[in-house]
């Protein structure tokens, strides 16, 4: 592991998927620009059934930017929060929010960042 300059930041850029969409291209452009300025940059994304962009993957590899692709997109159900507490609400909270959240947290690489930049899309 190399020593970091005091002005060097550990940056995480989160893109939705590794596809050729606008948010993804902008995120990778920013990641490459940060890397050229001497920052440590990681890019994280989620897998999708849409065609994966090999050009974007090559871009990340040629810029020597580590990339992590999560197996699943977290789909947390927040409907339980609209009702008063009950045994049923507790079940739905555990089943559809708490357990998926724990599984997703377990899949996250154990790293720390100074800056996190999410590129999102409308759901």
N, C-alpha and C. Protein backbone atom coordinates (compact mmCIF):
# COMPACT_ATOMS: atom_id res chain seq x y z
N UNK A 1 0.85 -1.17 0.00
CA UNK A 1 0.00 0.00 0.00
C UNK A 1 0.90 1.24 0.00
N UNK A 2 0.62 2.17 -0.88
CA UNK A 2 1.44 3.36 -1.00
C UNK A 2 1.03 4.41 0.03
N UNK A 3 2.02 5.28 0.35
CA UNK A 3 1.71 6.38 1.26
C UNK A 3 0.90 7.42 0.52
N UNK A 4 -0.05 8.00 1.23
CA UNK A 4 -0.90 9.01 0.62
C UNK A 4 -0.39 10.39 0.96
N UNK A 5 -0.45 11.27 -0.02
CA UNK A 5 -0.18 12.67 0.19
C UNK A 5 -1.33 13.24 1.03
N UNK A 6 -1.06 14.28 1.84
CA UNK A 6 -2.10 14.82 2.70
C UNK A 6 -3.27 15.39 1.90
N UNK A 7 -3.04 15.76 0.63
CA UNK A 7 -4.12 16.29 -0.20
C UNK A 7 -4.82 15.21 -1.02
N UNK A 8 -4.30 14.00 -0.96
CA UNK A 8 -4.90 12.89 -1.69
C UNK A 8 -6.14 12.39 -0.95
N UNK A 9 -7.22 12.22 -1.68
CA UNK A 9 -8.48 11.74 -1.10
C UNK A 9 -8.77 10.33 -1.60
N UNK A 10 -9.40 9.52 -0.75
CA UNK A 10 -9.90 8.21 -1.17
C UNK A 10 -11.33 8.44 -1.63
N UNK A 11 -11.58 8.24 -2.91
CA UNK A 11 -12.88 8.57 -3.50
C UNK A 11 -13.60 7.31 -3.97
N UNK A 12 -14.88 7.26 -3.72
CA UNK A 12 -15.74 6.18 -4.22
C UNK A 12 -16.76 6.80 -5.15
N UNK A 13 -16.82 6.28 -6.37
CA UNK A 13 -17.83 6.70 -7.33
C UNK A 13 -18.78 5.52 -7.51
N UNK A 14 -20.06 5.74 -7.23
CA UNK A 14 -21.06 4.67 -7.36
C UNK A 14 -21.87 4.95 -8.62
N UNK A 15 -21.88 3.99 -9.53
CA UNK A 15 -22.69 4.10 -10.75
C UNK A 15 -23.74 3.01 -10.70
N UNK A 16 -24.89 3.22 -11.36
CA UNK A 16 -25.95 2.21 -11.28
C UNK A 16 -25.50 0.84 -11.81
N UNK A 17 -25.03 0.80 -13.03
CA UNK A 17 -24.64 -0.46 -13.66
C UNK A 17 -23.41 -0.21 -14.53
N UNK A 18 -22.80 -1.25 -15.03
CA UNK A 18 -21.68 -1.09 -15.96
C UNK A 18 -22.24 -1.23 -17.38
N UNK A 19 -23.14 -0.31 -17.71
CA UNK A 19 -23.74 -0.26 -19.04
C UNK A 19 -23.39 1.08 -19.66
N UNK A 20 -23.77 1.28 -20.90
CA UNK A 20 -23.37 2.52 -21.59
C UNK A 20 -24.42 3.62 -21.45
N UNK A 21 -24.91 3.82 -20.24
CA UNK A 21 -25.85 4.90 -19.97
C UNK A 21 -25.14 6.19 -19.63
N UNK A 22 -25.89 7.27 -19.59
CA UNK A 22 -25.31 8.58 -19.32
C UNK A 22 -24.70 8.72 -17.94
N UNK A 23 -25.41 8.25 -16.91
CA UNK A 23 -24.89 8.35 -15.54
C UNK A 23 -23.60 7.55 -15.40
N UNK A 24 -23.57 6.38 -16.02
CA UNK A 24 -22.38 5.53 -15.95
C UNK A 24 -21.19 6.20 -16.62
N UNK A 25 -21.40 6.76 -17.80
CA UNK A 25 -20.31 7.43 -18.51
C UNK A 25 -19.80 8.63 -17.73
N UNK A 26 -20.72 9.42 -17.15
CA UNK A 26 -20.31 10.58 -16.36
C UNK A 26 -19.52 10.15 -15.13
N UNK A 27 -19.98 9.10 -14.46
CA UNK A 27 -19.29 8.61 -13.28
C UNK A 27 -17.88 8.15 -13.59
N UNK A 28 -17.71 7.46 -14.71
CA UNK A 28 -16.38 6.97 -15.08
C UNK A 28 -15.49 8.12 -15.53
N UNK A 29 -16.05 9.10 -16.23
CA UNK A 29 -15.26 10.29 -16.59
C UNK A 29 -14.75 11.00 -15.34
N UNK A 30 -15.61 11.15 -14.34
CA UNK A 30 -15.21 11.78 -13.09
C UNK A 30 -14.15 10.94 -12.38
N UNK A 31 -14.34 9.63 -12.33
CA UNK A 31 -13.38 8.74 -11.68
C UNK A 31 -12.01 8.86 -12.34
N UNK A 32 -11.97 8.89 -13.65
CA UNK A 32 -10.70 9.02 -14.37
C UNK A 32 -10.05 10.38 -14.10
N UNK A 33 -10.86 11.44 -14.05
CA UNK A 33 -10.31 12.78 -13.77
C UNK A 33 -9.73 12.84 -12.36
N UNK A 34 -10.43 12.24 -11.39
CA UNK A 34 -9.92 12.22 -10.02
C UNK A 34 -8.62 11.43 -9.94
N UNK A 35 -8.57 10.32 -10.65
CA UNK A 35 -7.36 9.48 -10.67
C UNK A 35 -6.18 10.26 -11.27
N UNK A 36 -6.42 10.99 -12.35
CA UNK A 36 -5.35 11.79 -12.98
C UNK A 36 -4.84 12.87 -12.03
N UNK A 37 -5.69 13.35 -11.13
CA UNK A 37 -5.28 14.37 -10.15
C UNK A 37 -4.58 13.75 -8.94
N UNK A 38 -4.40 12.43 -8.96
CA UNK A 38 -3.64 11.77 -7.91
C UNK A 38 -4.44 11.18 -6.78
N UNK A 39 -5.76 11.16 -6.90
CA UNK A 39 -6.59 10.60 -5.84
C UNK A 39 -6.72 9.09 -6.01
N UNK A 40 -6.98 8.42 -4.90
CA UNK A 40 -7.27 6.98 -4.94
C UNK A 40 -8.76 6.84 -5.23
N UNK A 41 -9.10 6.13 -6.30
CA UNK A 41 -10.49 6.06 -6.74
C UNK A 41 -10.92 4.61 -6.89
N UNK A 42 -12.13 4.31 -6.42
CA UNK A 42 -12.79 3.03 -6.65
C UNK A 42 -14.12 3.33 -7.32
N UNK A 43 -14.60 2.39 -8.15
CA UNK A 43 -15.92 2.51 -8.76
C UNK A 43 -16.71 1.26 -8.37
N UNK A 44 -17.93 1.47 -7.86
CA UNK A 44 -18.82 0.37 -7.53
C UNK A 44 -20.07 0.48 -8.38
N UNK A 45 -20.61 -0.68 -8.76
CA UNK A 45 -21.86 -0.72 -9.53
C UNK A 45 -22.61 -2.00 -9.19
N UNK A 46 -23.76 -2.16 -9.81
CA UNK A 46 -24.60 -3.33 -9.60
C UNK A 46 -24.74 -4.10 -10.90
N UNK A 47 -24.94 -5.42 -10.80
CA UNK A 47 -25.16 -6.23 -11.99
C UNK A 47 -26.57 -5.99 -12.51
N UNK A 48 -26.73 -6.15 -13.81
CA UNK A 48 -28.03 -5.99 -14.44
C UNK A 48 -28.17 -7.01 -15.55
N UNK A 49 -29.40 -7.17 -16.03
CA UNK A 49 -29.60 -8.08 -17.16
C UNK A 49 -29.43 -7.36 -18.49
N UNK A 50 -29.17 -6.05 -18.45
CA UNK A 50 -28.91 -5.30 -19.68
C UNK A 50 -27.49 -5.59 -20.15
N UNK A 51 -27.22 -5.33 -21.43
CA UNK A 51 -25.87 -5.61 -21.95
C UNK A 51 -24.79 -4.80 -21.21
N UNK A 52 -23.77 -5.50 -20.78
CA UNK A 52 -22.65 -4.88 -20.06
C UNK A 52 -21.74 -4.20 -21.06
N UNK A 53 -21.25 -3.01 -20.73
CA UNK A 53 -20.37 -2.27 -21.63
C UNK A 53 -18.92 -2.69 -21.41
N UNK A 54 -18.38 -3.41 -22.36
CA UNK A 54 -16.98 -3.82 -22.26
C UNK A 54 -16.05 -2.62 -22.43
N UNK A 55 -16.51 -1.60 -23.17
CA UNK A 55 -15.69 -0.39 -23.36
C UNK A 55 -15.49 0.33 -22.03
N UNK A 56 -16.53 0.43 -21.22
CA UNK A 56 -16.39 1.07 -19.91
C UNK A 56 -15.51 0.24 -18.98
N UNK A 57 -15.64 -1.05 -19.07
CA UNK A 57 -14.80 -1.95 -18.27
C UNK A 57 -13.33 -1.78 -18.67
N UNK A 58 -13.07 -1.72 -19.97
CA UNK A 58 -11.70 -1.50 -20.44
C UNK A 58 -11.17 -0.14 -19.99
N UNK A 59 -12.04 0.88 -20.02
CA UNK A 59 -11.66 2.22 -19.56
C UNK A 59 -11.18 2.18 -18.10
N UNK A 60 -11.94 1.49 -17.26
CA UNK A 60 -11.56 1.39 -15.85
C UNK A 60 -10.25 0.64 -15.69
N UNK A 61 -10.10 -0.45 -16.43
CA UNK A 61 -8.87 -1.24 -16.34
C UNK A 61 -7.66 -0.46 -16.84
N UNK A 62 -7.80 0.25 -17.95
CA UNK A 62 -6.66 0.99 -18.49
C UNK A 62 -6.28 2.16 -17.58
N UNK A 63 -7.25 2.73 -16.87
CA UNK A 63 -6.96 3.82 -15.92
C UNK A 63 -6.53 3.28 -14.56
N UNK A 64 -6.47 1.96 -14.42
CA UNK A 64 -6.10 1.28 -13.17
C UNK A 64 -6.99 1.72 -12.01
N UNK A 65 -8.30 1.73 -12.29
CA UNK A 65 -9.29 2.07 -11.27
C UNK A 65 -9.98 0.78 -10.82
N UNK A 66 -9.86 0.41 -9.55
CA UNK A 66 -10.53 -0.80 -9.07
C UNK A 66 -12.05 -0.66 -9.21
N UNK A 67 -12.68 -1.77 -9.57
CA UNK A 67 -14.13 -1.77 -9.78
C UNK A 67 -14.73 -2.96 -9.06
N UNK A 68 -15.81 -2.72 -8.34
CA UNK A 68 -16.53 -3.80 -7.67
C UNK A 68 -17.97 -3.80 -8.17
N UNK A 69 -18.42 -4.96 -8.62
CA UNK A 69 -19.79 -5.09 -9.12
C UNK A 69 -20.57 -5.97 -8.15
N UNK A 70 -21.61 -5.40 -7.53
CA UNK A 70 -22.42 -6.16 -6.58
C UNK A 70 -23.33 -7.13 -7.32
N UNK A 71 -23.55 -8.29 -6.71
CA UNK A 71 -24.39 -9.33 -7.31
C UNK A 71 -25.84 -8.91 -7.46
N UNK A 72 -26.35 -8.20 -6.47
CA UNK A 72 -27.77 -7.85 -6.48
C UNK A 72 -27.94 -6.36 -6.19
N UNK A 73 -29.02 -5.83 -6.69
CA UNK A 73 -29.39 -4.46 -6.40
C UNK A 73 -30.26 -4.51 -5.15
N UNK A 74 -29.93 -3.77 -4.10
CA UNK A 74 -30.73 -3.85 -2.88
C UNK A 74 -32.14 -3.32 -3.12
N UNK A 75 -33.12 -4.13 -2.79
CA UNK A 75 -34.52 -3.75 -2.99
C UNK A 75 -35.21 -3.81 -1.63
N UNK A 76 -35.14 -2.72 -0.90
CA UNK A 76 -35.70 -2.67 0.43
C UNK A 76 -37.15 -2.23 0.36
N UNK A 77 -38.02 -2.97 1.04
CA UNK A 77 -39.45 -2.65 1.07
C UNK A 77 -39.74 -1.80 2.30
N UNK A 78 -40.11 -0.54 2.07
CA UNK A 78 -40.34 0.39 3.17
C UNK A 78 -41.82 0.48 3.54
N UNK A 79 -42.69 -0.32 2.93
CA UNK A 79 -44.12 -0.22 3.22
C UNK A 79 -44.45 -0.50 4.68
N UNK A 80 -43.61 -1.29 5.36
CA UNK A 80 -43.88 -1.61 6.76
C UNK A 80 -43.92 -0.34 7.61
N UNK A 81 -43.25 0.72 7.20
CA UNK A 81 -43.15 1.92 8.03
C UNK A 81 -44.45 2.73 8.08
N UNK A 82 -45.42 2.39 7.25
CA UNK A 82 -46.67 3.16 7.20
C UNK A 82 -47.74 2.66 8.17
N UNK A 83 -47.47 1.59 8.87
CA UNK A 83 -48.48 1.01 9.77
C UNK A 83 -47.98 1.03 11.21
N UNK A 84 -48.92 0.99 12.19
CA UNK A 84 -48.50 0.95 13.59
C UNK A 84 -47.76 -0.37 13.89
N UNK A 85 -46.95 -0.37 14.92
CA UNK A 85 -46.20 -1.57 15.27
C UNK A 85 -47.15 -2.69 15.69
N UNK A 86 -46.83 -3.88 15.20
CA UNK A 86 -47.56 -5.10 15.54
C UNK A 86 -46.63 -6.27 15.27
N UNK A 87 -47.08 -7.46 15.59
CA UNK A 87 -46.28 -8.65 15.30
C UNK A 87 -46.09 -8.78 13.80
N UNK A 88 -47.14 -8.50 13.05
CA UNK A 88 -47.05 -8.59 11.59
C UNK A 88 -46.05 -7.57 11.03
N UNK A 89 -46.10 -6.35 11.58
CA UNK A 89 -45.16 -5.33 11.13
C UNK A 89 -43.73 -5.74 11.46
N UNK A 90 -43.51 -6.30 12.62
CA UNK A 90 -42.19 -6.77 13.01
C UNK A 90 -41.70 -7.84 12.03
N UNK A 91 -42.56 -8.77 11.66
CA UNK A 91 -42.21 -9.81 10.69
C UNK A 91 -41.79 -9.17 9.35
N UNK A 92 -42.61 -8.25 8.84
CA UNK A 92 -42.29 -7.63 7.56
C UNK A 92 -41.01 -6.80 7.64
N UNK A 93 -40.81 -6.13 8.78
CA UNK A 93 -39.58 -5.37 8.97
C UNK A 93 -38.37 -6.30 8.89
N UNK A 94 -38.41 -7.41 9.61
CA UNK A 94 -37.28 -8.35 9.61
C UNK A 94 -37.09 -9.00 8.23
N UNK A 95 -38.20 -9.44 7.63
CA UNK A 95 -38.13 -10.21 6.38
C UNK A 95 -37.76 -9.34 5.17
N UNK A 96 -38.32 -8.16 5.09
CA UNK A 96 -38.18 -7.38 3.85
C UNK A 96 -37.30 -6.15 3.98
N UNK A 97 -36.78 -5.87 5.16
CA UNK A 97 -35.88 -4.75 5.27
C UNK A 97 -34.61 -5.11 6.04
N UNK A 98 -34.74 -5.60 7.25
CA UNK A 98 -33.58 -5.88 8.09
C UNK A 98 -32.67 -6.96 7.49
N UNK A 99 -33.23 -8.11 7.13
CA UNK A 99 -32.40 -9.19 6.59
C UNK A 99 -31.79 -8.84 5.24
N UNK A 100 -32.54 -8.27 4.27
CA UNK A 100 -31.89 -7.86 3.02
C UNK A 100 -30.80 -6.81 3.25
N UNK A 101 -31.02 -5.91 4.20
CA UNK A 101 -30.03 -4.90 4.50
C UNK A 101 -28.75 -5.54 5.04
N UNK A 102 -28.89 -6.51 5.94
CA UNK A 102 -27.73 -7.21 6.49
C UNK A 102 -26.97 -7.98 5.41
N UNK A 103 -27.72 -8.63 4.50
CA UNK A 103 -27.07 -9.37 3.41
C UNK A 103 -26.29 -8.42 2.51
N UNK A 104 -26.89 -7.27 2.21
CA UNK A 104 -26.22 -6.29 1.37
C UNK A 104 -24.98 -5.74 2.07
N UNK A 105 -25.09 -5.42 3.35
CA UNK A 105 -23.94 -4.92 4.10
C UNK A 105 -22.79 -5.92 4.10
N UNK A 106 -23.11 -7.21 4.19
CA UNK A 106 -22.07 -8.24 4.20
C UNK A 106 -21.34 -8.32 2.86
N UNK A 107 -21.98 -7.88 1.77
CA UNK A 107 -21.35 -7.95 0.46
C UNK A 107 -20.49 -6.73 0.13
N UNK A 108 -20.54 -5.71 0.99
CA UNK A 108 -19.79 -4.48 0.73
C UNK A 108 -18.33 -4.67 1.13
N UNK A 109 -17.39 -4.35 0.23
CA UNK A 109 -15.97 -4.44 0.59
C UNK A 109 -15.67 -3.56 1.81
N UNK A 110 -14.79 -4.03 2.65
CA UNK A 110 -14.43 -3.30 3.87
C UNK A 110 -13.36 -2.26 3.54
N UNK A 111 -13.80 -1.09 3.13
CA UNK A 111 -12.91 0.01 2.80
C UNK A 111 -13.50 1.28 3.39
N UNK A 112 -12.66 2.28 3.55
CA UNK A 112 -13.17 3.57 3.99
C UNK A 112 -12.81 4.61 2.94
N UNK A 113 -13.65 5.63 2.82
CA UNK A 113 -13.47 6.65 1.80
C UNK A 113 -13.63 8.03 2.42
N UNK A 114 -12.93 8.99 1.84
CA UNK A 114 -13.07 10.38 2.26
C UNK A 114 -14.23 11.05 1.53
N UNK A 115 -14.46 10.63 0.30
CA UNK A 115 -15.50 11.23 -0.55
C UNK A 115 -16.28 10.10 -1.22
N UNK A 116 -17.62 10.18 -1.17
CA UNK A 116 -18.48 9.23 -1.86
C UNK A 116 -19.36 10.01 -2.83
N UNK A 117 -19.29 9.64 -4.11
CA UNK A 117 -20.04 10.35 -5.14
C UNK A 117 -21.00 9.36 -5.82
N UNK A 118 -22.29 9.45 -5.49
CA UNK A 118 -23.26 8.53 -6.13
C UNK A 118 -23.84 9.14 -7.41
N UNK A 119 -23.84 8.36 -8.46
CA UNK A 119 -24.56 8.71 -9.69
C UNK A 119 -25.79 7.84 -9.69
N UNK A 120 -26.96 8.45 -9.62
CA UNK A 120 -28.19 7.70 -9.46
C UNK A 120 -29.07 7.85 -10.68
N UNK A 121 -30.14 7.13 -10.70
CA UNK A 121 -31.14 7.18 -11.76
C UNK A 121 -32.50 7.19 -11.10
N UNK A 122 -33.50 7.64 -11.83
CA UNK A 122 -34.84 7.67 -11.25
C UNK A 122 -35.39 6.25 -11.20
N UNK A 123 -36.04 5.92 -10.10
CA UNK A 123 -36.57 4.56 -9.94
C UNK A 123 -38.01 4.50 -10.36
